[in-house]
Amino acid sequence: MRDESPIFPIADIVENYGGDPTYRGGWSPMACPFHGDRNASASIHHGAQRFCCHVCMERSEDAIGLVMWQEGCDYKAAVEICESITTADNAPATKKAGGMSSMFD
């Protein structure tokens, strides 16, 4: 198990896939960019760095998990994709594995 995992800004990743991750506080409703959503069936939590579509996903994901789910790739490839999406100004922080994000699954 990894001791530390990078944290990428979830808003940047969701926006890259065509979403509008407007901050509204807490779990902010939004249209899902992954299934042609006309209603706000998805939510983004900027503080917890999590995204969830209540229609097409089984649980919330952080940026790396979201990329793994969408691209069907492994952890290493997802980290590389996240790095390519985020800018140098948004360099990822690190967290201990199994930290805060596991509370939102």
PDB file of N, CA and C in Angstrom:
ATOM      1  N   MET A   1       0.843  -1.177   0.000  1.00  0.00           N
ATOM      2  CA  MET A   1       0.000   0.000   0.000  1.00  0.00           C
ATOM      3  C   MET A   1       0.888   1.239   0.000  1.00  0.00           C
ATOM      4  N   ARG A   2       0.447   2.267  -0.682  1.00  0.00           N
ATOM      5  CA  ARG A   2       1.202   3.509  -0.780  1.00  0.00           C
ATOM      6  C   ARG A   2       1.059   4.310   0.505  1.00  0.00           C
ATOM      7  N   ASP A   3       2.159   4.947   0.920  1.00  0.00           N
ATOM      8  CA  ASP A   3       2.104   5.802   2.097  1.00  0.00           C
ATOM      9  C   ASP A   3       1.489   7.152   1.772  1.00  0.00           C
ATOM     10  N   GLU A   4       1.785   7.674   0.585  1.00  0.00           N
ATOM     11  CA  GLU A   4       1.257   8.971   0.192  1.00  0.00           C
ATOM     12  C   GLU A   4       0.726   8.875  -1.224  1.00  0.00           C
ATOM     13  N   SER A   5      -0.305   9.621  -1.487  1.00  0.00           N
ATOM     14  CA  SER A   5      -0.907   9.644  -2.799  1.00  0.00           C
ATOM     15  C   SER A   5      -1.101  11.106  -3.199  1.00  0.00           C
ATOM     16  N   PRO A   6      -0.796  11.470  -4.446  1.00  0.00           N
ATOM     17  CA  PRO A   6      -0.975  12.868  -4.840  1.00  0.00           C
ATOM     18  C   PRO A   6      -2.453  13.247  -4.873  1.00  0.00           C
ATOM     19  N   ILE A   7      -2.724  14.489  -4.581  1.00  0.00           N
ATOM     20  CA  ILE A   7      -4.083  15.019  -4.658  1.00  0.00           C
ATOM     21  C   ILE A   7      -4.102  16.047  -5.779  1.00  0.00           C
ATOM     22  N   PHE A   8      -4.926  15.817  -6.771  1.00  0.00           N
ATOM     23  CA  PHE A   8      -5.080  16.762  -7.871  1.00  0.00           C
ATOM     24  C   PHE A   8      -6.404  17.484  -7.708  1.00  0.00           C
ATOM     25  N   PRO A   9      -6.498  18.738  -8.150  1.00  0.00           N
ATOM     26  CA  PRO A   9      -7.747  19.495  -8.024  1.00  0.00           C
ATOM     27  C   PRO A   9      -8.872  18.829  -8.821  1.00  0.00           C
ATOM     28  N   ILE A  10      -9.884  18.365  -8.138  1.00  0.00           N
ATOM     29  CA  ILE A  10     -10.986  17.650  -8.785  1.00  0.00           C
ATOM     30  C   ILE A  10     -11.696  18.535  -9.813  1.00  0.00           C
ATOM     31  N   ALA A  11     -11.792  19.831  -9.536  1.00  0.00           N
ATOM     32  CA  ALA A  11     -12.463  20.741 -10.473  1.00  0.00           C
ATOM     33  C   ALA A  11     -11.746  20.778 -11.817  1.00  0.00           C
ATOM     34  N   ASP A  12     -10.415  20.771 -11.807  1.00  0.00           N
ATOM     35  CA  ASP A  12      -9.658  20.783 -13.061  1.00  0.00           C
ATOM     36  C   ASP A  12      -9.918  19.527 -13.876  1.00  0.00           C
ATOM     37  N   ILE A  13      -9.997  18.388 -13.196  1.00  0.00           N
ATOM     38  CA  ILE A  13     -10.210  17.117 -13.886  1.00  0.00           C
ATOM     39  C   ILE A  13     -11.620  17.061 -14.474  1.00  0.00           C
ATOM     40  N   VAL A  14     -12.619  17.431 -13.678  1.00  0.00           N
ATOM     41  CA  VAL A  14     -14.009  17.417 -14.151  1.00  0.00           C
ATOM     42  C   VAL A  14     -14.190  18.403 -15.299  1.00  0.00           C
ATOM     43  N   GLU A  15     -13.602  19.567 -15.183  1.00  0.00           N
ATOM     44  CA  GLU A  15     -13.692  20.569 -16.256  1.00  0.00           C
ATOM     45  C   GLU A  15     -13.038  20.051 -17.545  1.00  0.00           C
ATOM     46  N   ASN A  16     -11.949  19.323 -17.409  1.00  0.00           N
ATOM     47  CA  ASN A  16     -11.278  18.749 -18.574  1.00  0.00           C
ATOM     48  C   ASN A  16     -12.207  17.808 -19.351  1.00  0.00           C
ATOM     49  N   TYR A  17     -13.093  17.113 -18.644  1.00  0.00           N
ATOM     50  CA  TYR A  17     -14.035  16.205 -19.289  1.00  0.00           C
ATOM     51  C   TYR A  17     -15.326  16.904 -19.722  1.00  0.00           C
ATOM     52  N   GLY A  18     -15.383  18.225 -19.613  1.00  0.00           N
ATOM     53  CA  GLY A  18     -16.530  18.976 -20.108  1.00  0.00           C
ATOM     54  C   GLY A  18     -17.522  19.392 -19.045  1.00  0.00           C
ATOM     55  N   GLY A  19     -17.214  19.174 -17.781  1.00  0.00           N
ATOM     56  CA  GLY A  19     -18.114  19.561 -16.695  1.00  0.00           C
ATOM     57  C   GLY A  19     -17.955  21.014 -16.301  1.00  0.00           C
ATOM     58  N   ASP A  20     -18.938  21.529 -15.577  1.00  0.00           N
ATOM     59  CA  ASP A  20     -18.913  22.891 -15.057  1.00  0.00           C
ATOM     60  C   ASP A  20     -18.896  22.803 -13.532  1.00  0.00           C
ATOM     61  N   PRO A  21     -17.697  22.705 -12.956  1.00  0.00           N
ATOM     62  CA  PRO A  21     -17.583  22.480 -11.504  1.00  0.00           C
ATOM     63  C   PRO A  21     -17.700  23.760 -10.675  1.00  0.00           C
ATOM     64  N   THR A  22     -18.796  24.488 -10.835  1.00  0.00           N
ATOM     65  CA  THR A  22     -19.005  25.728 -10.098  1.00  0.00           C
ATOM     66  C   THR A  22     -19.126  25.439  -8.605  1.00  0.00           C
ATOM     67  N   TYR A  23     -18.399  26.215  -7.812  1.00  0.00           N
ATOM     68  CA  TYR A  23     -18.434  26.026  -6.360  1.00  0.00           C
ATOM     69  C   TYR A  23     -19.715  26.628  -5.790  1.00  0.00           C
ATOM     70  N   ARG A  24     -20.457  25.836  -5.037  1.00  0.00           N
ATOM     71  CA  ARG A  24     -21.671  26.298  -4.370  1.00  0.00           C
ATOM     72  C   ARG A  24     -21.650  25.948  -2.886  1.00  0.00           C
ATOM     73  N   GLY A  25     -20.533  25.410  -2.416  1.00  0.00           N
ATOM     74  CA  GLY A  25     -20.408  25.028  -1.012  1.00  0.00           C
ATOM     75  C   GLY A  25     -20.798  23.583  -0.788  1.00  0.00           C
ATOM     76  N   GLY A  26     -20.012  22.874   0.005  1.00  0.00           N
ATOM     77  CA  GLY A  26     -20.309  21.465   0.297  1.00  0.00           C
ATOM     78  C   GLY A  26     -20.376  20.641  -0.970  1.00  0.00           C
ATOM     79  N   TRP A  27     -21.315  19.710  -1.015  1.00  0.00           N
ATOM     80  CA  TRP A  27     -21.554  18.933  -2.236  1.00  0.00           C
ATOM     81  C   TRP A  27     -22.367  19.796  -3.181  1.00  0.00           C
ATOM     82  N   SER A  28     -21.741  20.298  -4.234  1.00  0.00           N
ATOM     83  CA  SER A  28     -22.384  21.189  -5.200  1.00  0.00           C
ATOM     84  C   SER A  28     -22.963  20.382  -6.354  1.00  0.00           C
ATOM     85  N   PRO A  29     -24.266  20.525  -6.617  1.00  0.00           N
ATOM     86  CA  PRO A  29     -24.876  19.786  -7.726  1.00  0.00           C
ATOM     87  C   PRO A  29     -24.391  20.306  -9.069  1.00  0.00           C
ATOM     88  N   MET A  30     -24.296  19.407 -10.028  1.00  0.00           N
ATOM     89  CA  MET A  30     -23.902  19.776 -11.388  1.00  0.00           C
ATOM     90  C   MET A  30     -24.360  18.704 -12.362  1.00  0.00           C
ATOM     91  N   ALA A  31     -24.435  19.065 -13.637  1.00  0.00           N
ATOM     92  CA  ALA A  31     -24.736  18.082 -14.673  1.00  0.00           C
ATOM     93  C   ALA A  31     -23.513  17.193 -14.866  1.00  0.00           C
ATOM     94  N   CYS A  32     -23.739  15.920 -15.066  1.00  0.00           N
ATOM     95  CA  CYS A  32     -22.636  14.977 -15.253  1.00  0.00           C
ATOM     96  C   CYS A  32     -22.076  15.096 -16.667  1.00  0.00           C
ATOM     97  N   PRO A  33     -20.764  15.301 -16.794  1.00  0.00           N
ATOM     98  CA  PRO A  33     -20.174  15.401 -18.135  1.00  0.00           C
ATOM     99  C   PRO A  33     -19.971  14.050 -18.816  1.00  0.00           C
ATOM    100  N   PHE A  34     -20.301  12.951 -18.150  1.00  0.00           N
ATOM    101  CA  PHE A  34     -20.004  11.628 -18.682  1.00  0.00           C
ATOM    102  C   PHE A  34     -21.179  10.918 -19.343  1.00  0.00           C
ATOM    103  N   HIS A  35     -22.397  11.416 -19.169  1.00  0.00           N
ATOM    104  CA  HIS A  35     -23.525  10.732 -19.804  1.00  0.00           C
ATOM    105  C   HIS A  35     -24.594  11.659 -20.387  1.00  0.00           C
ATOM    106  N   GLY A  36     -24.204  12.824 -20.868  1.00  0.00           N
ATOM    107  CA  GLY A  36     -25.163  13.701 -21.535  1.00  0.00           C
ATOM    108  C   GLY A  36     -26.290  14.140 -20.630  1.00  0.00           C
ATOM    109  N   ASP A  37     -25.967  14.468 -19.428  1.00  0.00           N
ATOM    110  CA  ASP A  37     -26.925  14.845 -18.393  1.00  0.00           C
ATOM    111  C   ASP A  37     -27.546  16.213 -18.664  1.00  0.00           C
ATOM    112  N   ARG A  38     -28.859  16.317 -18.547  1.00  0.00           N
ATOM    113  CA  ARG A  38     -29.543  17.616 -18.648  1.00  0.00           C
ATOM    114  C   ARG A  38     -29.906  18.159 -17.269  1.00  0.00           C
ATOM    115  N   ASN A  39     -29.909  17.283 -16.298  1.00  0.00           N
ATOM    116  CA  ASN A  39     -30.226  17.664 -14.918  1.00  0.00           C
ATOM    117  C   ASN A  39     -28.976  17.485 -14.058  1.00  0.00           C
ATOM    118  N   ALA A  40     -29.020  18.045 -12.880  1.00  0.00           N
ATOM    119  CA  ALA A  40     -27.873  17.951 -11.969  1.00  0.00           C
ATOM    120  C   ALA A  40     -27.898  16.624 -11.221  1.00  0.00           C
ATOM    121  N   SER A  41     -27.457  15.561 -11.882  1.00  0.00           N
ATOM    122  CA  SER A  41     -27.432  14.250 -11.229  1.00  0.00           C
ATOM    123  C   SER A  41     -26.071  13.944 -10.614  1.00  0.00           C
ATOM    124  N   ALA A  42     -25.120  14.869 -10.762  1.00  0.00           N
ATOM    125  CA  ALA A  42     -23.784  14.681 -10.199  1.00  0.00           C
ATOM    126  C   ALA A  42     -23.535  15.726  -9.121  1.00  0.00           C
ATOM    127  N   SER A  43     -22.514  15.472  -8.312  1.00  0.00           N
ATOM    128  CA  SER A  43     -22.106  16.415  -7.271  1.00  0.00           C
ATOM    129  C   SER A  43     -20.591  16.465  -7.222  1.00  0.00           C
ATOM    130  N   ILE A  44     -20.074  17.643  -6.869  1.00  0.00           N
ATOM    131  CA  ILE A  44     -18.646  17.819  -6.676  1.00  0.00           C
ATOM    132  C   ILE A  44     -18.434  18.452  -5.313  1.00  0.00           C
ATOM    133  N   HIS A  45     -17.423  17.989  -4.599  1.00  0.00           N
ATOM    134  CA  HIS A  45     -17.094  18.562  -3.288  1.00  0.00           C
ATOM    135  C   HIS A  45     -15.667  19.089  -3.382  1.00  0.00           C
ATOM    136  N   HIS A  46     -15.545  20.412  -3.468  1.00  0.00           N
ATOM    137  CA  HIS A  46     -14.233  21.033  -3.654  1.00  0.00           C
ATOM    138  C   HIS A  46     -13.337  20.849  -2.432  1.00  0.00           C
ATOM    139  N   GLY A  47     -13.900  20.852  -1.241  1.00  0.00           N
ATOM    140  CA  GLY A  47     -13.105  20.686  -0.031  1.00  0.00           C
ATOM    141  C   GLY A  47     -12.541  19.287   0.102  1.00  0.00           C
ATOM    142  N   ALA A  48     -13.355  18.285  -0.162  1.00  0.00           N
ATOM    143  CA  ALA A  48     -12.924  16.895  -0.060  1.00  0.00           C
ATOM    144  C   ALA A  48     -12.252  16.398  -1.338  1.00  0.00           C
ATOM    145  N   GLN A  49     -12.325  17.199  -2.417  1.00  0.00           N
ATOM    146  CA  GLN A  49     -11.747  16.830  -3.713  1.00  0.00           C
ATOM    147  C   GLN A  49     -12.357  15.526  -4.228  1.00  0.00           C
ATOM    148  N   ARG A  50     -13.714  15.473  -4.231  1.00  0.00           N
ATOM    149  CA  ARG A  50     -14.441  14.280  -4.659  1.00  0.00           C
ATOM    150  C   ARG A  50     -15.495  14.646  -5.698  1.00  0.00           C
ATOM    151  N   PHE A  51     -15.810  13.678  -6.577  1.00  0.00           N
ATOM    152  CA  PHE A  51     -16.857  13.816  -7.584  1.00  0.00           C
ATOM    153  C   PHE A  51     -17.691  12.552  -7.559  1.00  0.00           C
ATOM    154  N   CYS A  52     -18.997  12.710  -7.773  1.00  0.00           N
ATOM    155  CA  CYS A  52     -19.877  11.554  -7.856  1.00  0.00           C
ATOM    156  C   CYS A  52     -21.056  11.854  -8.768  1.00  0.00           C
ATOM    157  N   CYS A  53     -21.337  10.950  -9.691  1.00  0.00           N
ATOM    158  CA  CYS A  53     -22.581  11.009 -10.451  1.00  0.00           C
ATOM    159  C   CYS A  53     -23.481   9.944  -9.839  1.00  0.00           C
ATOM    160  N   HIS A  54     -24.666  10.344  -9.447  1.00  0.00           N
ATOM    161  CA  HIS A  54     -25.584   9.429  -8.773  1.00  0.00           C
ATOM    162  C   HIS A  54     -26.303   8.509  -9.759  1.00  0.00           C
ATOM    163  N   VAL A  55     -26.020   8.686 -11.065  1.00  0.00           N
ATOM    164  CA  VAL A  55     -26.608   7.836 -12.095  1.00  0.00           C
ATOM    165  C   VAL A  55     -25.595   6.817 -12.618  1.00  0.00           C
ATOM    166  N   CYS A  56     -24.402   7.282 -12.975  1.00  0.00           N
ATOM    167  CA  CYS A  56     -23.477   6.379 -13.666  1.00  0.00           C
ATOM    168  C   CYS A  56     -22.290   5.905 -12.833  1.00  0.00           C
ATOM    169  N   MET A  57     -22.197   6.309 -11.573  1.00  0.00           N
ATOM    170  CA  MET A  57     -21.079   5.874 -10.734  1.00  0.00           C
ATOM    171  C   MET A  57     -21.609   5.171  -9.487  1.00  0.00           C
ATOM    172  N   GLU A  58     -20.840   4.230  -8.977  1.00  0.00           N
ATOM    173  CA  GLU A  58     -21.239   3.508  -7.771  1.00  0.00           C
ATOM    174  C   GLU A  58     -20.835   4.230  -6.497  1.00  0.00           C
ATOM    175  N   ARG A  59     -19.776   5.076  -6.567  1.00  0.00           N
ATOM    176  CA  ARG A  59     -19.305   5.784  -5.383  1.00  0.00           C
ATOM    177  C   ARG A  59     -18.562   7.042  -5.817  1.00  0.00           C
ATOM    178  N   SER A  60     -18.269   7.909  -4.869  1.00  0.00           N
ATOM    179  CA  SER A  60     -17.510   9.113  -5.195  1.00  0.00           C
ATOM    180  C   SER A  60     -16.053   8.754  -5.433  1.00  0.00           C
ATOM    181  N   GLU A  61     -15.386   9.565  -6.221  1.00  0.00           N
ATOM    182  CA  GLU A  61     -13.982   9.330  -6.554  1.00  0.00           C
ATOM    183  C   GLU A  61     -13.191  10.619  -6.412  1.00  0.00           C
ATOM    184  N   ASP A  62     -11.904  10.480  -6.092  1.00  0.00           N
ATOM    185  CA  ASP A  62     -11.006  11.622  -6.169  1.00  0.00           C
ATOM    186  C   ASP A  62     -10.558  11.738  -7.627  1.00  0.00           C
ATOM    187  N   ALA A  63      -9.661  12.677  -7.925  1.00  0.00           N
ATOM    188  CA  ALA A  63      -9.248  12.914  -9.305  1.00  0.00           C
ATOM    189  C   ALA A  63      -8.638  11.669  -9.947  1.00  0.00           C
ATOM    190  N   ILE A  64      -7.766  10.995  -9.223  1.00  0.00           N
ATOM    191  CA  ILE A  64      -7.104   9.814  -9.781  1.00  0.00           C
ATOM    192  C   ILE A  64      -8.118   8.696 -10.028  1.00  0.00           C
ATOM    193  N   GLY A  65      -8.988   8.451  -9.063  1.00  0.00           N
ATOM    194  CA  GLY A  65     -10.020   7.426  -9.229  1.00  0.00           C
ATOM    195  C   GLY A  65     -10.975   7.750 -10.360  1.00  0.00           C
ATOM    196  N   LEU A  66     -11.302   9.030 -10.522  1.00  0.00           N
ATOM    197  CA  LEU A  66     -12.197   9.447 -11.598  1.00  0.00           C
ATOM    198  C   LEU A  66     -11.558   9.176 -12.959  1.00  0.00           C
ATOM    199  N   VAL A  67     -10.289   9.502 -13.103  1.00  0.00           N
ATOM    200  CA  VAL A  67      -9.580   9.250 -14.362  1.00  0.00           C
ATOM    201  C   VAL A  67      -9.461   7.745 -14.610  1.00  0.00           C
ATOM    202  N   MET A  68      -9.154   6.962 -13.576  1.00  0.00           N
ATOM    203  CA  MET A  68      -9.078   5.505 -13.733  1.00  0.00           C
ATOM    204  C   MET A  68     -10.419   4.954 -14.211  1.00  0.00           C
ATOM    205  N   TRP A  69     -11.507   5.430 -13.623  1.00  0.00           N
ATOM    206  CA  TRP A  69     -12.850   4.980 -13.995  1.00  0.00           C
ATOM    207  C   TRP A  69     -13.181   5.372 -15.433  1.00  0.00           C
ATOM    208  N   GLN A  70     -12.922   6.618 -15.782  1.00  0.00           N
ATOM    209  CA  GLN A  70     -13.294   7.116 -17.107  1.00  0.00           C
ATOM    210  C   GLN A  70     -12.409   6.550 -18.215  1.00  0.00           C
ATOM    211  N   GLU A  71     -11.118   6.441 -17.966  1.00  0.00           N
ATOM    212  CA  GLU A  71     -10.177   6.016 -18.998  1.00  0.00           C
ATOM    213  C   GLU A  71      -9.919   4.513 -18.997  1.00  0.00           C
ATOM    214  N   GLY A  72     -10.355   3.818 -17.940  1.00  0.00           N
ATOM    215  CA  GLY A  72     -10.104   2.385 -17.848  1.00  0.00           C
ATOM    216  C   GLY A  72      -8.613   2.073 -17.733  1.00  0.00           C
ATOM    217  N   CYS A  73      -7.900   2.929 -17.002  1.00  0.00           N
ATOM    218  CA  CYS A  73      -6.454   2.759 -16.887  1.00  0.00           C
ATOM    219  C   CYS A  73      -6.049   2.439 -15.451  1.00  0.00           C
ATOM    220  N   ASP A  74      -4.773   2.132 -15.259  1.00  0.00           N
ATOM    221  CA  ASP A  74      -4.277   1.831 -13.925  1.00  0.00           C
ATOM    222  C   ASP A  74      -3.883   3.119 -13.192  1.00  0.00           C
ATOM    223  N   TYR A  75      -3.478   2.961 -11.941  1.00  0.00           N
ATOM    224  CA  TYR A  75      -3.141   4.086 -11.075  1.00  0.00           C
ATOM    225  C   TYR A  75      -2.036   4.959 -11.673  1.00  0.00           C
ATOM    226  N   LYS A  76      -0.960   4.329 -12.113  1.00  0.00           N
ATOM    227  CA  LYS A  76       0.177   5.083 -12.642  1.00  0.00           C
ATOM    228  C   LYS A  76      -0.226   5.914 -13.859  1.00  0.00           C
ATOM    229  N   ALA A  77      -0.961   5.331 -14.771  1.00  0.00           N
ATOM    230  CA  ALA A  77      -1.405   6.064 -15.963  1.00  0.00           C
ATOM    231  C   ALA A  77      -2.344   7.206 -15.573  1.00  0.00           C
ATOM    232  N   ALA A  78      -3.205   6.963 -14.590  1.00  0.00           N
ATOM    233  CA  ALA A  78      -4.129   8.010 -14.141  1.00  0.00           C
ATOM    234  C   ALA A  78      -3.382   9.189 -13.535  1.00  0.00           C
ATOM    235  N   VAL A  79      -2.348   8.909 -12.761  1.00  0.00           N
ATOM    236  CA  VAL A  79      -1.534   9.990 -12.187  1.00  0.00           C
ATOM    237  C   VAL A  79      -0.897  10.804 -13.314  1.00  0.00           C
ATOM    238  N   GLU A  80      -0.381  10.132 -14.336  1.00  0.00           N
ATOM    239  CA  GLU A  80       0.235  10.831 -15.462  1.00  0.00           C
ATOM    240  C   GLU A  80      -0.794  11.688 -16.203  1.00  0.00           C
ATOM    241  N   ILE A  81      -2.011  11.174 -16.366  1.00  0.00           N
ATOM    242  CA  ILE A  81      -3.070  11.949 -17.024  1.00  0.00           C
ATOM    243  C   ILE A  81      -3.425  13.160 -16.178  1.00  0.00           C
ATOM    244  N   CYS A  82      -3.580  12.965 -14.876  1.00  0.00           N
ATOM    245  CA  CYS A  82      -3.888  14.087 -13.980  1.00  0.00           C
ATOM    246  C   CYS A  82      -2.787  15.142 -14.032  1.00  0.00           C
ATOM    247  N   GLU A  83      -1.538  14.689 -14.067  1.00  0.00           N
ATOM    248  CA  GLU A  83      -0.415  15.627 -14.162  1.00  0.00           C
ATOM    249  C   GLU A  83      -0.479  16.423 -15.455  1.00  0.00           C
ATOM    250  N   SER A  84      -0.885  15.787 -16.540  1.00  0.00           N
ATOM    251  CA  SER A  84      -0.955  16.488 -17.820  1.00  0.00           C
ATOM    252  C   SER A  84      -2.130  17.464 -17.876  1.00  0.00           C
ATOM    253  N   ILE A  85      -3.176  17.201 -17.106  1.00  0.00           N
ATOM    254  CA  ILE A  85      -4.356  18.076 -17.086  1.00  0.00           C
ATOM    255  C   ILE A  85      -4.119  19.299 -16.206  1.00  0.00           C
ATOM    256  N   THR A  86      -3.533  19.084 -15.055  1.00  0.00           N
ATOM    257  CA  THR A  86      -3.331  20.179 -14.120  1.00  0.00           C
ATOM    258  C   THR A  86      -2.087  20.967 -14.506  1.00  0.00           C
ATOM    259  N   THR A  87      -2.069  22.233 -14.159  1.00  0.00           N
ATOM    260  CA  THR A  87      -0.945  23.092 -14.512  1.00  0.00           C
ATOM    261  C   THR A  87       0.099  23.094 -13.406  1.00  0.00           C
ATOM    262  N   ALA A  88       1.255  23.646 -13.694  1.00  0.00           N
ATOM    263  CA  ALA A  88       2.323  23.746 -12.694  1.00  0.00           C
ATOM    264  C   ALA A  88       1.865  24.550 -11.486  1.00  0.00           C
ATOM    265  N   ASP A  89       0.963  25.516 -11.703  1.00  0.00           N
ATOM    266  CA  ASP A  89       0.448  26.320 -10.590  1.00  0.00           C
ATOM    267  C   ASP A  89      -0.422  25.498  -9.650  1.00  0.00           C
ATOM    268  N   ASN A  90      -0.968  24.404 -10.145  1.00  0.00           N
ATOM    269  CA  ASN A  90      -1.834  23.552  -9.334  1.00  0.00           C
ATOM    270  C   ASN A  90      -1.124  22.252  -8.992  1.00  0.00           C
ATOM    271  N   ALA A  91       0.145  22.343  -8.636  1.00  0.00           N
ATOM    272  CA  ALA A  91       0.911  21.143  -8.301  1.00  0.00           C
ATOM    273  C   ALA A  91       0.195  20.370  -7.200  1.00  0.00           C
ATOM    274  N   PRO A  92       0.147  19.036  -7.322  1.00  0.00           N
ATOM    275  CA  PRO A  92      -0.591  18.252  -6.345  1.00  0.00           C
ATOM    276  C   PRO A  92       0.058  18.275  -4.963  1.00  0.00           C
ATOM    277  N   ALA A  93      -0.772  18.234  -3.969  1.00  0.00           N
ATOM    278  CA  ALA A  93      -0.312  18.051  -2.593  1.00  0.00           C
ATOM    279  C   ALA A  93      -0.218  16.549  -2.371  1.00  0.00           C
ATOM    280  N   THR A  94       0.079  16.138  -1.169  1.00  0.00           N
ATOM    281  CA  THR A  94       0.067  14.711  -0.869  1.00  0.00           C
ATOM    282  C   THR A  94      -0.781  14.473   0.367  1.00  0.00           C
ATOM    283  N   LYS A  95      -1.273  13.263   0.500  1.00  0.00           N
ATOM    284  CA  LYS A  95      -2.048  12.878   1.681  1.00  0.00           C
ATOM    285  C   LYS A  95      -1.674  11.457   2.041  1.00  0.00           C
ATOM    286  N   LYS A  96      -1.945  11.082   3.237  1.00  0.00           N
ATOM    287  CA  LYS A  96      -1.747   9.698   3.644  1.00  0.00           C
ATOM    288  C   LYS A  96      -2.852   8.848   3.025  1.00  0.00           C
ATOM    289  N   ALA A  97      -2.519   7.698   2.523  1.00  0.00           N
ATOM    290  CA  ALA A  97      -3.514   6.803   1.945  1.00  0.00           C
ATOM    291  C   ALA A  97      -4.554   6.449   2.995  1.00  0.00           C
ATOM    292  N   GLY A  98      -5.825   6.363   2.551  1.00  0.00           N
ATOM    293  CA  GLY A  98      -6.900   6.014   3.483  1.00  0.00           C
ATOM    294  C   GLY A  98      -7.291   7.173   4.357  1.00  0.00           C
ATOM    295  N   GLY A  99      -6.948   8.370   3.956  1.00  0.00           N
ATOM    296  CA  GLY A  99      -7.246   9.562   4.743  1.00  0.00           C
ATOM    297  C   GLY A  99      -8.660  10.034   4.555  1.00  0.00           C
ATOM    298  N   MET A 100      -8.839  11.338   4.491  1.00  0.00           N
ATOM    299  CA  MET A 100     -10.156  11.962   4.461  1.00  0.00           C
ATOM    300  C   MET A 100     -11.016  11.439   3.324  1.00  0.00           C
ATOM    301  N   SER A 101     -10.434  11.173   2.154  1.00  0.00           N
ATOM    302  CA  SER A 101     -11.249  10.782   1.017  1.00  0.00           C
ATOM    303  C   SER A 101     -12.038   9.512   1.279  1.00  0.00           C
ATOM    304  N   SER A 102     -11.549   8.603   2.099  1.00  0.00           N
ATOM    305  CA  SER A 102     -12.284   7.374   2.353  1.00  0.00           C
ATOM    306  C   SER A 102     -13.580   7.614   3.113  1.00  0.00           C
ATOM    307  N   MET A 103     -13.716   8.772   3.748  1.00  0.00           N
ATOM    308  CA  MET A 103     -14.955   9.087   4.465  1.00  0.00           C
ATOM    309  C   MET A 103     -16.105   9.334   3.507  1.00  0.00           C
ATOM    310  N   PHE A 104     -15.803   9.666   2.250  1.00  0.00           N
ATOM    311  CA  PHE A 104     -16.840  10.069   1.318  1.00  0.00           C
ATOM    312  C   PHE A 104     -17.201   8.974   0.318  1.00  0.00           C
ATOM    313  N   ASP A 105     -16.678   7.772   0.475  1.00  0.00           N
ATOM    314  CA  ASP A 105     -17.006   6.670  -0.441  1.00  0.00           C
ATOM    315  C   ASP A 105     -18.402   6.167  -0.187  1.00  0.00           C
TER     316      ASP A 105
END
